[in-house]
Amino acid sequence: MVTWTTKNGVEISQILARRCNCYVVRHRGRFLLVDTSRRTERENLTQALDSLGITRLSLLVLTHCHFDHTETAASFCPAAGCG
């Protein structure tokens, strides 16, 4: 996992880096998940979120509708308060 912090204090972590890059953006106690990857990566994504102590998402962003970016989005909706 690669993490960097912007000069404004926004922390960005690349939590998956295979076919789909998935990121968590953390700022002021809120968490934004960018893309959710494929079904085969769901467990890895969940473990990465757990390792960062993230149990609730403020926002879920899907960059585009290809299956390798959105296939597991529905399973993260409860954590993001959607659907």
N, C-alpha and C. Protein backbone atom coordinates (compact mmCIF):
# COMPACT_ATOMS: atom_id res chain seq x y z
N MET A 1 0.85 -1.17 0.00
CA MET A 1 0.00 0.00 0.00
C MET A 1 0.90 1.24 0.00
N VAL A 2 0.59 2.16 -0.87
CA VAL A 2 1.34 3.42 -0.97
C VAL A 2 0.44 4.53 -0.44
N THR A 3 1.01 5.37 0.44
CA THR A 3 0.24 6.48 1.01
C THR A 3 1.07 7.76 0.92
N TRP A 4 0.40 8.83 0.58
CA TRP A 4 1.05 10.14 0.60
C TRP A 4 0.06 11.16 1.12
N THR A 5 0.61 12.30 1.57
CA THR A 5 -0.20 13.37 2.14
C THR A 5 0.05 14.65 1.36
N THR A 6 -1.02 15.33 0.99
CA THR A 6 -0.90 16.59 0.27
C THR A 6 -0.50 17.70 1.24
N LYS A 7 -0.10 18.83 0.70
CA LYS A 7 0.30 19.95 1.56
C LYS A 7 -0.87 20.49 2.38
N ASN A 8 -2.11 20.16 1.98
CA ASN A 8 -3.30 20.58 2.72
C ASN A 8 -3.76 19.55 3.74
N GLY A 9 -2.99 18.47 3.91
CA GLY A 9 -3.31 17.47 4.91
C GLY A 9 -4.25 16.37 4.46
N VAL A 10 -4.51 16.26 3.17
CA VAL A 10 -5.35 15.18 2.65
C VAL A 10 -4.46 13.96 2.46
N GLU A 11 -4.85 12.84 3.04
CA GLU A 11 -4.09 11.60 2.93
C GLU A 11 -4.71 10.72 1.85
N ILE A 12 -3.88 10.24 0.94
CA ILE A 12 -4.35 9.38 -0.16
C ILE A 12 -3.58 8.07 -0.09
N SER A 13 -4.32 6.96 -0.10
CA SER A 13 -3.71 5.64 -0.07
C SER A 13 -4.16 4.85 -1.28
N GLN A 14 -3.19 4.33 -2.01
CA GLN A 14 -3.51 3.41 -3.11
C GLN A 14 -3.59 2.04 -2.47
N ILE A 15 -4.81 1.47 -2.43
CA ILE A 15 -5.00 0.24 -1.68
C ILE A 15 -5.07 -1.00 -2.57
N LEU A 16 -5.30 -0.83 -3.86
CA LEU A 16 -5.19 -1.92 -4.83
C LEU A 16 -4.48 -1.37 -6.05
N ALA A 17 -3.63 -2.19 -6.65
CA ALA A 17 -2.88 -1.72 -7.81
C ALA A 17 -2.70 -2.86 -8.80
N ARG A 18 -3.79 -3.44 -9.20
CA ARG A 18 -3.71 -4.49 -10.21
C ARG A 18 -4.40 -3.98 -11.46
N ARG A 19 -5.42 -4.67 -11.89
CA ARG A 19 -6.13 -4.22 -13.08
C ARG A 19 -6.81 -2.88 -12.85
N CYS A 20 -7.28 -2.68 -11.64
CA CYS A 20 -7.92 -1.42 -11.27
C CYS A 20 -7.20 -0.84 -10.06
N ASN A 21 -6.82 0.40 -10.15
CA ASN A 21 -6.25 1.10 -9.01
C ASN A 21 -7.38 1.61 -8.14
N CYS A 22 -7.36 1.25 -6.88
CA CYS A 22 -8.36 1.73 -5.93
C CYS A 22 -7.66 2.59 -4.89
N TYR A 23 -8.33 3.66 -4.51
CA TYR A 23 -7.75 4.62 -3.58
C TYR A 23 -8.72 4.93 -2.45
N VAL A 24 -8.15 5.29 -1.30
CA VAL A 24 -8.92 5.87 -0.22
C VAL A 24 -8.36 7.26 0.01
N VAL A 25 -9.25 8.22 0.06
CA VAL A 25 -8.88 9.60 0.37
C VAL A 25 -9.42 9.89 1.75
N ARG A 26 -8.52 10.32 2.65
CA ARG A 26 -8.90 10.57 4.05
C ARG A 26 -8.66 12.04 4.36
N HIS A 27 -9.69 12.69 4.90
CA HIS A 27 -9.53 14.09 5.29
C HIS A 27 -10.54 14.41 6.38
N ARG A 28 -10.03 14.95 7.46
CA ARG A 28 -10.87 15.38 8.59
C ARG A 28 -11.83 14.29 9.06
N GLY A 29 -11.33 13.07 9.17
CA GLY A 29 -12.12 11.97 9.68
C GLY A 29 -13.13 11.38 8.71
N ARG A 30 -13.08 11.81 7.46
CA ARG A 30 -14.00 11.28 6.44
C ARG A 30 -13.19 10.48 5.43
N PHE A 31 -13.84 9.47 4.85
CA PHE A 31 -13.16 8.55 3.94
C PHE A 31 -13.92 8.44 2.63
N LEU A 32 -13.20 8.61 1.55
CA LEU A 32 -13.76 8.48 0.21
C LEU A 32 -13.08 7.30 -0.46
N LEU A 33 -13.83 6.36 -0.99
CA LEU A 33 -13.28 5.21 -1.72
C LEU A 33 -13.47 5.46 -3.20
N VAL A 34 -12.37 5.38 -3.95
CA VAL A 34 -12.41 5.57 -5.39
C VAL A 34 -12.24 4.21 -6.06
N ASP A 35 -13.30 3.75 -6.71
CA ASP A 35 -13.39 2.47 -7.42
C ASP A 35 -13.35 1.28 -6.47
N THR A 36 -13.94 0.17 -6.91
CA THR A 36 -14.06 -1.00 -6.05
C THR A 36 -13.50 -2.28 -6.65
N SER A 37 -13.04 -2.23 -7.88
CA SER A 37 -12.38 -3.35 -8.54
C SER A 37 -13.33 -4.52 -8.83
N ARG A 38 -12.72 -5.65 -9.14
CA ARG A 38 -13.47 -6.86 -9.53
C ARG A 38 -13.86 -7.68 -8.30
N ARG A 39 -14.79 -8.59 -8.53
CA ARG A 39 -15.23 -9.50 -7.46
C ARG A 39 -14.06 -10.26 -6.85
N THR A 40 -13.11 -10.67 -7.69
CA THR A 40 -11.97 -11.44 -7.20
C THR A 40 -11.06 -10.63 -6.28
N GLU A 41 -11.21 -9.32 -6.27
CA GLU A 41 -10.39 -8.45 -5.43
C GLU A 41 -11.14 -7.94 -4.19
N ARG A 42 -12.39 -8.34 -4.06
CA ARG A 42 -13.21 -7.83 -2.95
C ARG A 42 -12.57 -8.08 -1.58
N GLU A 43 -12.10 -9.28 -1.34
CA GLU A 43 -11.50 -9.61 -0.04
C GLU A 43 -10.24 -8.78 0.21
N ASN A 44 -9.41 -8.60 -0.82
CA ASN A 44 -8.21 -7.78 -0.67
C ASN A 44 -8.57 -6.33 -0.36
N LEU A 45 -9.60 -5.84 -1.00
CA LEU A 45 -10.03 -4.46 -0.76
C LEU A 45 -10.57 -4.32 0.66
N THR A 46 -11.37 -5.26 1.09
CA THR A 46 -11.92 -5.25 2.45
C THR A 46 -10.80 -5.30 3.48
N GLN A 47 -9.81 -6.15 3.27
CA GLN A 47 -8.68 -6.24 4.20
C GLN A 47 -7.89 -4.94 4.25
N ALA A 48 -7.71 -4.30 3.10
CA ALA A 48 -6.99 -3.03 3.06
C ALA A 48 -7.74 -1.96 3.84
N LEU A 49 -9.06 -1.90 3.67
CA LEU A 49 -9.87 -0.94 4.43
C LEU A 49 -9.78 -1.24 5.93
N ASP A 50 -9.86 -2.51 6.28
CA ASP A 50 -9.75 -2.91 7.69
C ASP A 50 -8.39 -2.50 8.27
N SER A 51 -7.33 -2.70 7.50
CA SER A 51 -5.99 -2.37 8.00
C SER A 51 -5.82 -0.87 8.24
N LEU A 52 -6.62 -0.07 7.53
CA LEU A 52 -6.60 1.38 7.74
C LEU A 52 -7.59 1.82 8.81
N GLY A 53 -8.33 0.86 9.38
CA GLY A 53 -9.31 1.17 10.43
C GLY A 53 -10.57 1.81 9.90
N ILE A 54 -10.89 1.57 8.63
CA ILE A 54 -12.06 2.20 8.01
C ILE A 54 -13.25 1.26 8.07
N THR A 55 -14.30 1.67 8.77
CA THR A 55 -15.52 0.89 8.85
C THR A 55 -16.70 1.60 8.20
N ARG A 56 -16.54 2.90 7.98
CA ARG A 56 -17.62 3.71 7.39
C ARG A 56 -17.02 4.62 6.33
N LEU A 57 -17.63 4.63 5.17
CA LEU A 57 -17.20 5.49 4.08
C LEU A 57 -18.12 6.70 4.00
N SER A 58 -17.54 7.85 3.71
CA SER A 58 -18.34 9.05 3.51
C SER A 58 -18.86 9.13 2.09
N LEU A 59 -18.10 8.55 1.16
CA LEU A 59 -18.45 8.65 -0.25
C LEU A 59 -17.81 7.53 -1.02
N LEU A 60 -18.51 7.04 -2.02
CA LEU A 60 -17.99 6.04 -2.94
C LEU A 60 -18.03 6.65 -4.33
N VAL A 61 -16.88 6.70 -5.00
CA VAL A 61 -16.78 7.28 -6.33
C VAL A 61 -16.34 6.21 -7.31
N LEU A 62 -17.10 6.07 -8.39
CA LEU A 62 -16.73 5.14 -9.46
C LEU A 62 -16.30 5.99 -10.65
N THR A 63 -15.08 5.81 -11.10
CA THR A 63 -14.53 6.68 -12.13
C THR A 63 -15.17 6.47 -13.50
N HIS A 64 -15.58 5.24 -13.77
CA HIS A 64 -16.30 4.93 -15.00
C HIS A 64 -16.93 3.56 -14.85
N CYS A 65 -17.76 3.16 -15.79
CA CYS A 65 -18.63 1.99 -15.60
C CYS A 65 -18.05 0.66 -16.06
N HIS A 66 -16.77 0.55 -16.30
CA HIS A 66 -16.20 -0.75 -16.65
C HIS A 66 -16.23 -1.68 -15.44
N PHE A 67 -16.50 -2.96 -15.71
CA PHE A 67 -16.67 -3.93 -14.62
C PHE A 67 -15.46 -4.01 -13.70
N ASP A 68 -14.27 -3.79 -14.23
CA ASP A 68 -13.08 -3.91 -13.38
C ASP A 68 -12.93 -2.74 -12.41
N HIS A 69 -13.80 -1.75 -12.52
CA HIS A 69 -13.81 -0.63 -11.58
C HIS A 69 -15.05 -0.64 -10.69
N THR A 70 -16.09 -1.37 -11.09
CA THR A 70 -17.39 -1.26 -10.40
C THR A 70 -17.99 -2.58 -9.92
N GLU A 71 -17.39 -3.69 -10.24
CA GLU A 71 -18.04 -4.99 -10.03
C GLU A 71 -18.47 -5.24 -8.58
N THR A 72 -17.74 -4.74 -7.62
CA THR A 72 -18.11 -4.99 -6.22
C THR A 72 -18.70 -3.77 -5.52
N ALA A 73 -19.09 -2.77 -6.27
CA ALA A 73 -19.59 -1.53 -5.68
C ALA A 73 -20.77 -1.78 -4.75
N ALA A 74 -21.69 -2.62 -5.14
CA ALA A 74 -22.88 -2.87 -4.33
C ALA A 74 -22.55 -3.37 -2.94
N SER A 75 -21.48 -4.14 -2.81
CA SER A 75 -21.13 -4.69 -1.50
C SER A 75 -20.55 -3.62 -0.57
N PHE A 76 -20.11 -2.48 -1.13
CA PHE A 76 -19.59 -1.40 -0.30
C PHE A 76 -20.61 -0.30 -0.04
N CYS A 77 -21.77 -0.41 -0.65
CA CYS A 77 -22.82 0.60 -0.46
C CYS A 77 -23.25 0.76 0.99
N PRO A 78 -23.46 -0.32 1.76
CA PRO A 78 -23.85 -0.12 3.15
C PRO A 78 -22.82 0.70 3.94
N ALA A 79 -21.53 0.49 3.69
CA ALA A 79 -20.48 1.23 4.39
C ALA A 79 -20.46 2.69 3.95
N ALA A 80 -20.98 2.96 2.76
CA ALA A 80 -21.00 4.32 2.24
C ALA A 80 -22.36 5.00 2.42
N GLY A 81 -23.31 4.26 3.00
CA GLY A 81 -24.64 4.84 3.25
C GLY A 81 -25.47 5.01 1.99
N CYS A 82 -25.20 4.22 0.98
CA CYS A 82 -25.99 4.30 -0.26
C CYS A 82 -26.72 2.99 -0.49
N GLY A 83 -27.68 3.00 -1.37
CA GLY A 83 -28.39 1.82 -1.82
C GLY A 83 -28.95 1.02 -0.74
